[in-house]
Structure formats: C-alpha cells, structure tokens
All heavy atoms as atom14 arrays in JSON, in Angstrom:
{
  "sequence": "IGWFRQAPGKEREGVSCIGSRVGITAYVNSVKGRF",
  "atom14_mask": [
    [1, 1, 1, 1, 1, 1, 1, 1, 0, 0, 0, 0, 0, 0],
    [1, 1, 1, 1, 0, 0, 0, 0, 0, 0, 0, 0, 0, 0],
    [1, 1, 1, 1, 1, 1, 1, 1, 1, 1, 1, 1, 1, 1],
    [1, 1, 1, 1, 1, 1, 1, 1, 1, 1, 1, 0, 0, 0],
    [1, 1, 1, 1, 1, 1, 1, 1, 1, 1, 1, 0, 0, 0],
    [1, 1, 1, 1, 1, 1, 1, 1, 1, 0, 0, 0, 0, 0],
    [1, 1, 1, 1, 1, 0, 0, 0, 0, 0, 0, 0, 0, 0],
    [1, 1, 1, 1, 1, 1, 1, 0, 0, 0, 0, 0, 0, 0],
    [1, 1, 1, 1, 0, 0, 0, 0, 0, 0, 0, 0, 0, 0],
    [1, 1, 1, 1, 1, 1, 1, 1, 1, 0, 0, 0, 0, 0],
    [1, 1, 1, 1, 1, 1, 1, 1, 1, 0, 0, 0, 0, 0],
    [1, 1, 1, 1, 1, 1, 1, 1, 1, 1, 1, 0, 0, 0],
    [1, 1, 1, 1, 1, 1, 1, 1, 1, 0, 0, 0, 0, 0],
    [1, 1, 1, 1, 0, 0, 0, 0, 0, 0, 0, 0, 0, 0],
    [1, 1, 1, 1, 1, 1, 1, 0, 0, 0, 0, 0, 0, 0],
    [1, 1, 1, 1, 1, 1, 0, 0, 0, 0, 0, 0, 0, 0],
    [1, 1, 1, 1, 1, 1, 0, 0, 0, 0, 0, 0, 0, 0],
    [1, 1, 1, 1, 1, 1, 1, 1, 0, 0, 0, 0, 0, 0],
    [1, 1, 1, 1, 0, 0, 0, 0, 0, 0, 0, 0, 0, 0],
    [1, 1, 1, 1, 1, 1, 0, 0, 0, 0, 0, 0, 0, 0],
    [1, 1, 1, 1, 1, 1, 1, 1, 1, 1, 1, 0, 0, 0],
    [1, 1, 1, 1, 1, 1, 1, 0, 0, 0, 0, 0, 0, 0],
    [1, 1, 1, 1, 0, 0, 0, 0, 0, 0, 0, 0, 0, 0],
    [1, 1, 1, 1, 1, 1, 1, 1, 0, 0, 0, 0, 0, 0],
    [1, 1, 1, 1, 1, 1, 1, 0, 0, 0, 0, 0, 0, 0],
    [1, 1, 1, 1, 1, 0, 0, 0, 0, 0, 0, 0, 0, 0],
    [1, 1, 1, 1, 1, 1, 1, 1, 1, 1, 1, 1, 0, 0],
    [1, 1, 1, 1, 1, 1, 1, 0, 0, 0, 0, 0, 0, 0],
    [1, 1, 1, 1, 1, 1, 1, 1, 0, 0, 0, 0, 0, 0],
    [1, 1, 1, 1, 1, 1, 0, 0, 0, 0, 0, 0, 0, 0],
    [1, 1, 1, 1, 1, 1, 1, 0, 0, 0, 0, 0, 0, 0],
    [1, 1, 1, 1, 1, 1, 1, 1, 1, 0, 0, 0, 0, 0],
    [1, 1, 1, 1, 0, 0, 0, 0, 0, 0, 0, 0, 0, 0],
    [1, 1, 1, 1, 1, 1, 1, 1, 1, 1, 1, 0, 0, 0],
    [1, 1, 1, 1, 1, 1, 1, 1, 1, 1, 1, 0, 0, 0]
  ],
  "atom14_positions": [
    [[0.84, -1.19, 0.0], [0.0, 0.0, 0.0], [0.88, 1.25, 0.0], [1.8, 1.36, 0.81], [-0.94, 0.04, 1.22], [-1.77, -1.25, 1.31], [-1.84, 1.27, 1.15], [-2.75, -1.44, 0.17], [0.0, 0.0, 0.0], [0.0, 0.0, 0.0], [0.0, 0.0, 0.0], [0.0, 0.0, 0.0], [0.0, 0.0, 0.0], [0.0, 0.0, 0.0]],
    [[0.57, 2.17, -0.88], [1.29, 3.43, -0.95], [0.39, 4.62, -0.7], [-0.81, 4.58, -0.98], [0.0, 0.0, 0.0], [0.0, 0.0, 0.0], [0.0, 0.0, 0.0], [0.0, 0.0, 0.0], [0.0, 0.0, 0.0], [0.0, 0.0, 0.0], [0.0, 0.0, 0.0], [0.0, 0.0, 0.0], [0.0, 0.0, 0.0], [0.0, 0.0, 0.0]],
    [[0.97, 5.68, -0.15], [0.32, 6.98, -0.03], [1.0, 7.94, -1.0], [2.24, 8.04, -1.04], [0.42, 7.54, 1.39], [-0.56, 6.95, 2.36], [-0.32, 5.99, 3.28], [-1.93, 7.32, 2.51], [-1.46, 5.73, 4.01], [-2.47, 6.53, 3.55], [-2.77, 8.24, 1.87], [-3.79, 6.62, 3.97], [-4.09, 8.33, 2.28], [-4.58, 7.53, 3.32]],
    [[0.19, 8.68, -1.75], [0.66, 9.65, -2.72], [-0.09, 10.95, -2.5], [-1.16, 10.97, -1.89], [0.43, 9.13, -4.15], [1.08, 7.8, -4.41], [0.45, 6.62, -4.05], [2.33, 7.74, -5.0], [1.05, 5.39, -4.28], [2.94, 6.52, -5.23], [2.31, 5.35, -4.87], [0.0, 0.0, 0.0], [0.0, 0.0, 0.0], [0.0, 0.0, 0.0]],
    [[0.46, 12.04, -3.0], [-0.21, 13.32, -2.87], [0.0, 14.16, -4.13], [0.98, 13.99, -4.86], [0.26, 14.09, -1.63], [1.72, 14.52, -1.67], [2.12, 15.12, -0.32], [3.51, 15.56, -0.31], [4.15, 16.0, 0.76], [3.51, 16.08, 1.92], [5.42, 16.38, 0.67], [0.0, 0.0, 0.0], [0.0, 0.0, 0.0], [0.0, 0.0, 0.0]],
    [[-0.95, 15.05, -4.37], [-0.85, 15.95, -5.51], [-1.43, 17.3, -5.15], [-2.59, 17.41, -4.75], [-1.58, 15.38, -6.73], [-1.34, 16.17, -7.99], [-1.75, 15.42, -9.24], [-2.58, 14.52, -9.19], [-1.16, 15.78, -10.36], [0.0, 0.0, 0.0], [0.0, 0.0, 0.0], [0.0, 0.0, 0.0], [0.0, 0.0, 0.0], [0.0, 0.0, 0.0]],
    [[-0.6, 18.33, -5.27], [-1.02, 19.7, -5.05], [-1.34, 20.35, -6.39], [-0.82, 19.93, -7.43], [0.07, 20.49, -4.33], [0.0, 0.0, 0.0], [0.0, 0.0, 0.0], [0.0, 0.0, 0.0], [0.0, 0.0, 0.0], [0.0, 0.0, 0.0], [0.0, 0.0, 0.0], [0.0, 0.0, 0.0], [0.0, 0.0, 0.0], [0.0, 0.0, 0.0]],
    [[-2.19, 21.38, -6.42], [-2.52, 22.05, -7.67], [-1.27, 22.53, -8.39], [-0.4, 23.17, -7.8], [-3.39, 23.23, -7.23], [-4.01, 22.76, -5.96], [-2.94, 21.95, -5.28], [0.0, 0.0, 0.0], [0.0, 0.0, 0.0], [0.0, 0.0, 0.0], [0.0, 0.0, 0.0], [0.0, 0.0, 0.0], [0.0, 0.0, 0.0], [0.0, 0.0, 0.0]],
    [[-1.17, 22.22, -9.68], [-0.05, 22.64, -10.48], [1.22, 21.82, -10.31], [2.24, 22.15, -10.93], [0.0, 0.0, 0.0], [0.0, 0.0, 0.0], [0.0, 0.0, 0.0], [0.0, 0.0, 0.0], [0.0, 0.0, 0.0], [0.0, 0.0, 0.0], [0.0, 0.0, 0.0], [0.0, 0.0, 0.0], [0.0, 0.0, 0.0], [0.0, 0.0, 0.0]],
    [[1.18, 20.78, -9.5], [2.35, 19.94, -9.27], [2.07, 18.5, -9.68], [0.92, 18.08, -9.77], [2.76, 19.99, -7.8], [3.22, 21.35, -7.32], [3.72, 21.29, -5.89], [4.24, 22.64, -5.42], [4.73, 22.58, -4.02], [0.0, 0.0, 0.0], [0.0, 0.0, 0.0], [0.0, 0.0, 0.0], [0.0, 0.0, 0.0], [0.0, 0.0, 0.0]],
    [[3.15, 17.76, -9.92], [3.02, 16.35, -10.26], [2.68, 15.53, -9.03], [2.97, 15.92, -7.89], [4.32, 15.84, -10.88], [4.68, 16.47, -12.21], [5.95, 15.9, -12.8], [6.72, 15.26, -12.07], [6.16, 16.08, -14.01], [0.0, 0.0, 0.0], [0.0, 0.0, 0.0], [0.0, 0.0, 0.0], [0.0, 0.0, 0.0], [0.0, 0.0, 0.0]],
    [[2.08, 14.38, -9.27], [1.82, 13.45, -8.18], [3.14, 12.97, -7.58], [4.1, 12.67, -8.3], [0.99, 12.27, -8.68], [0.56, 11.32, -7.57], [-0.41, 10.27, -8.1], [-1.64, 10.87, -8.59], [-2.68, 10.18, -9.05], [-2.62, 8.85, -9.09], [-3.75, 10.81, -9.48], [0.0, 0.0, 0.0], [0.0, 0.0, 0.0], [0.0, 0.0, 0.0]],
    [[3.17, 12.88, -6.26], [4.38, 12.56, -5.54], [4.14, 11.38, -4.6], [3.15, 11.36, -3.87], [4.85, 13.77, -4.73], [6.05, 13.52, -3.83], [6.35, 14.68, -2.92], [5.39, 15.36, -2.48], [7.55, 14.93, -2.66], [0.0, 0.0, 0.0], [0.0, 0.0, 0.0], [0.0, 0.0, 0.0], [0.0, 0.0, 0.0], [0.0, 0.0, 0.0]],
    [[5.05, 10.43, -4.61], [4.99, 9.35, -3.64], [5.41, 9.85, -2.27], [6.45, 10.49, -2.13], [0.0, 0.0, 0.0], [0.0, 0.0, 0.0], [0.0, 0.0, 0.0], [0.0, 0.0, 0.0], [0.0, 0.0, 0.0], [0.0, 0.0, 0.0], [0.0, 0.0, 0.0], [0.0, 0.0, 0.0], [0.0, 0.0, 0.0], [0.0, 0.0, 0.0]],
    [[4.63, 9.54, -1.25], [4.89, 10.01, 0.11], [5.44, 8.89, 0.99], [6.46, 9.06, 1.66], [3.61, 10.59, 0.74], [3.87, 11.01, 2.19], [3.09, 11.76, -0.08], [0.0, 0.0, 0.0], [0.0, 0.0, 0.0], [0.0, 0.0, 0.0], [0.0, 0.0, 0.0], [0.0, 0.0, 0.0], [0.0, 0.0, 0.0], [0.0, 0.0, 0.0]],
    [[4.77, 7.76, 0.98], [5.16, 6.65, 1.83], [4.54, 5.37, 1.29], [3.52, 5.41, 0.61], [4.71, 6.89, 3.27], [5.13, 5.85, 4.13], [0.0, 0.0, 0.0], [0.0, 0.0, 0.0], [0.0, 0.0, 0.0], [0.0, 0.0, 0.0], [0.0, 0.0, 0.0], [0.0, 0.0, 0.0], [0.0, 0.0, 0.0], [0.0, 0.0, 0.0]],
    [[5.15, 4.23, 1.6], [4.54, 2.96, 1.26], [4.9, 1.93, 2.31], [5.9, 2.07, 3.03], [4.95, 2.47, -0.14], [6.71, 2.19, -0.4], [0.0, 0.0, 0.0], [0.0, 0.0, 0.0], [0.0, 0.0, 0.0], [0.0, 0.0, 0.0], [0.0, 0.0, 0.0], [0.0, 0.0, 0.0], [0.0, 0.0, 0.0], [0.0, 0.0, 0.0]],
    [[4.06, 0.91, 2.4], [4.28, -0.17, 3.34], [4.03, -1.48, 2.6], [3.04, -1.64, 1.9], [3.38, -0.02, 4.58], [3.72, -1.09, 5.63], [1.9, -0.04, 4.23], [3.15, -0.77, 7.01], [0.0, 0.0, 0.0], [0.0, 0.0, 0.0], [0.0, 0.0, 0.0], [0.0, 0.0, 0.0], [0.0, 0.0, 0.0], [0.0, 0.0, 0.0]],
    [[4.96, -2.41, 2.75], [4.88, -3.66, 2.03], [3.99, -4.69, 2.7], [3.64, -4.57, 3.88], [0.0, 0.0, 0.0], [0.0, 0.0, 0.0], [0.0, 0.0, 0.0], [0.0, 0.0, 0.0], [0.0, 0.0, 0.0], [0.0, 0.0, 0.0], [0.0, 0.0, 0.0], [0.0, 0.0, 0.0], [0.0, 0.0, 0.0], [0.0, 0.0, 0.0]],
    [[3.63, -5.71, 1.93], [2.88, -6.82, 2.5], [3.73, -7.64, 3.46], [3.19, -8.28, 4.36], [2.32, -7.71, 1.38], [3.37, -8.24, 0.59], [0.0, 0.0, 0.0], [0.0, 0.0, 0.0], [0.0, 0.0, 0.0], [0.0, 0.0, 0.0], [0.0, 0.0, 0.0], [0.0, 0.0, 0.0], [0.0, 0.0, 0.0], [0.0, 0.0, 0.0]],
    [[5.04, -7.62, 3.27], [5.95, -8.29, 4.19], [6.22, -7.41, 5.41], [6.24, -6.19, 5.32], [7.27, -8.62, 3.5], [7.16, -9.63, 2.38], [8.52, -9.97, 1.84], [8.47, -11.0, 0.81], [9.51, -11.49, 0.18], [10.73, -11.04, 0.48], [9.36, -12.41, -0.76], [0.0, 0.0, 0.0], [0.0, 0.0, 0.0], [0.0, 0.0, 0.0]],
    [[6.45, -8.04, 6.52], [6.69, -7.33, 7.76], [7.97, -6.5, 7.67], [9.01, -6.99, 7.22], [6.78, -8.31, 8.94], [7.14, -7.59, 10.23], [5.46, -9.06, 9.11], [0.0, 0.0, 0.0], [0.0, 0.0, 0.0], [0.0, 0.0, 0.0], [0.0, 0.0, 0.0], [0.0, 0.0, 0.0], [0.0, 0.0, 0.0], [0.0, 0.0, 0.0]],
    [[7.88, -5.22, 8.1], [9.06, -4.39, 8.23], [9.46, -3.59, 7.02], [10.45, -2.84, 7.08], [0.0, 0.0, 0.0], [0.0, 0.0, 0.0], [0.0, 0.0, 0.0], [0.0, 0.0, 0.0], [0.0, 0.0, 0.0], [0.0, 0.0, 0.0], [0.0, 0.0, 0.0], [0.0, 0.0, 0.0], [0.0, 0.0, 0.0], [0.0, 0.0, 0.0]],
    [[8.75, -3.69, 5.9], [9.1, -2.95, 4.7], [8.31, -1.65, 4.65], [7.09, -1.68, 4.5], [8.85, -3.79, 3.44], [9.69, -5.06, 3.45], [9.15, -2.96, 2.2], [9.41, -6.0, 2.3], [0.0, 0.0, 0.0], [0.0, 0.0, 0.0], [0.0, 0.0, 0.0], [0.0, 0.0, 0.0], [0.0, 0.0, 0.0], [0.0, 0.0, 0.0]],
    [[9.0, -0.53, 4.8], [8.4, 0.79, 4.69], [9.35, 1.72, 3.98], [10.56, 1.5, 3.95], [8.04, 1.4, 6.06], [9.22, 1.52, 6.86], [7.02, 0.53, 6.8], [0.0, 0.0, 0.0], [0.0, 0.0, 0.0], [0.0, 0.0, 0.0], [0.0, 0.0, 0.0], [0.0, 0.0, 0.0], [0.0, 0.0, 0.0], [0.0, 0.0, 0.0]],
    [[8.82, 2.8, 3.41], [9.63, 3.81, 2.75], [8.95, 5.16, 2.88], [7.72, 5.24, 2.96], [9.85, 3.47, 1.28], [0.0, 0.0, 0.0], [0.0, 0.0, 0.0], [0.0, 0.0, 0.0], [0.0, 0.0, 0.0], [0.0, 0.0, 0.0], [0.0, 0.0, 0.0], [0.0, 0.0, 0.0], [0.0, 0.0, 0.0], [0.0, 0.0, 0.0]],
    [[9.77, 6.24, 2.88], [9.26, 7.6, 2.99], [10.05, 8.51, 2.06], [11.26, 8.36, 1.9], [9.41, 8.14, 4.41], [8.68, 7.35, 5.46], [9.29, 6.29, 6.11], [7.38, 7.68, 5.81], [8.61, 5.57, 7.08], [6.7, 6.97, 6.78], [7.32, 5.91, 7.41], [6.65, 5.2, 8.38], [0.0, 0.0, 0.0], [0.0, 0.0, 0.0]],
    [[9.36, 9.47, 1.47], [10.05, 10.5, 0.73], [10.8, 11.38, 1.74], [10.36, 11.56, 2.88], [9.06, 11.31, -0.13], [8.14, 12.15, 0.73], [9.79, 12.16, -1.16], [0.0, 0.0, 0.0], [0.0, 0.0, 0.0], [0.0, 0.0, 0.0], [0.0, 0.0, 0.0], [0.0, 0.0, 0.0], [0.0, 0.0, 0.0], [0.0, 0.0, 0.0]],
    [[11.95, 11.93, 1.33], [12.8, 12.66, 2.27], [12.09, 13.82, 2.97], [12.36, 14.1, 4.14], [14.05, 13.18, 1.56], [15.05, 12.08, 1.27], [15.02, 11.03, 1.89], [15.95, 12.34, 0.33], [0.0, 0.0, 0.0], [0.0, 0.0, 0.0], [0.0, 0.0, 0.0], [0.0, 0.0, 0.0], [0.0, 0.0, 0.0], [0.0, 0.0, 0.0]],
    [[11.19, 14.48, 2.28], [10.55, 15.67, 2.83], [9.63, 15.37, 4.01], [9.29, 16.29, 4.76], [9.77, 16.41, 1.74], [8.75, 15.58, 1.2], [0.0, 0.0, 0.0], [0.0, 0.0, 0.0], [0.0, 0.0, 0.0], [0.0, 0.0, 0.0], [0.0, 0.0, 0.0], [0.0, 0.0, 0.0], [0.0, 0.0, 0.0], [0.0, 0.0, 0.0]],
    [[9.23, 14.12, 4.19], [8.34, 13.77, 5.3], [9.01, 12.85, 6.31], [8.41, 12.55, 7.35], [7.02, 13.13, 4.82], [6.38, 13.98, 3.73], [7.24, 11.71, 4.33], [0.0, 0.0, 0.0], [0.0, 0.0, 0.0], [0.0, 0.0, 0.0], [0.0, 0.0, 0.0], [0.0, 0.0, 0.0], [0.0, 0.0, 0.0], [0.0, 0.0, 0.0]],
    [[10.21, 12.42, 6.03], [10.91, 11.49, 6.92], [11.08, 12.11, 8.31], [11.53, 13.24, 8.45], [12.26, 11.11, 6.32], [12.92, 9.91, 6.98], [14.16, 9.46, 6.19], [13.78, 9.0, 4.8], [14.97, 8.5, 4.03], [0.0, 0.0, 0.0], [0.0, 0.0, 0.0], [0.0, 0.0, 0.0], [0.0, 0.0, 0.0], [0.0, 0.0, 0.0]],
    [[10.71, 11.36, 9.33], [10.77, 11.84, 10.69], [9.51, 12.54, 11.15], [9.36, 12.78, 12.36], [0.0, 0.0, 0.0], [0.0, 0.0, 0.0], [0.0, 0.0, 0.0], [0.0, 0.0, 0.0], [0.0, 0.0, 0.0], [0.0, 0.0, 0.0], [0.0, 0.0, 0.0], [0.0, 0.0, 0.0], [0.0, 0.0, 0.0], [0.0, 0.0, 0.0]],
    [[8.62, 12.87, 10.22], [7.37, 13.54, 10.57], [6.15, 12.65, 10.34], [5.18, 12.74, 11.09], [7.2, 14.82, 9.75], [8.29, 15.85, 9.98], [7.95, 17.19, 9.32], [7.86, 17.08, 7.87], [6.76, 17.36, 7.16], [5.65, 17.76, 7.77], [6.77, 17.24, 5.84], [0.0, 0.0, 0.0], [0.0, 0.0, 0.0], [0.0, 0.0, 0.0]],
    [[6.2, 11.8, 9.31], [5.08, 10.94, 8.96], [5.41, 9.5, 9.31], [6.56, 9.07, 9.22], [4.77, 11.01, 7.46], [4.21, 12.31, 6.97], [4.16, 13.44, 7.77], [3.71, 12.4, 5.68], [3.64, 14.64, 7.3], [3.19, 13.58, 5.19], [3.15, 14.71, 6.0], [0.0, 0.0, 0.0], [0.0, 0.0, 0.0], [0.0, 0.0, 0.0]]
  ]
}
C-alpha cells in the first residue's frame, strides 16, 4: 500500500509505502521523521 499526494499545479508525488511483508516501509525525504 502506498500513499501519494498531488497539489494544484504539481506532479503526483509518492509520500510513503508499506509492504505486505513485515518491516518494509519507505518515505520521501521531505516527510521522513514527521510521517
């Protein structure tokens, strides 16, 4: 499962994702430590 976001006038951006396997997660640098 992934979370994505899109602001007006900007391209869609990947924010975070979590894998079906235990322990697999990822974050875009701009939200790391906050989300």
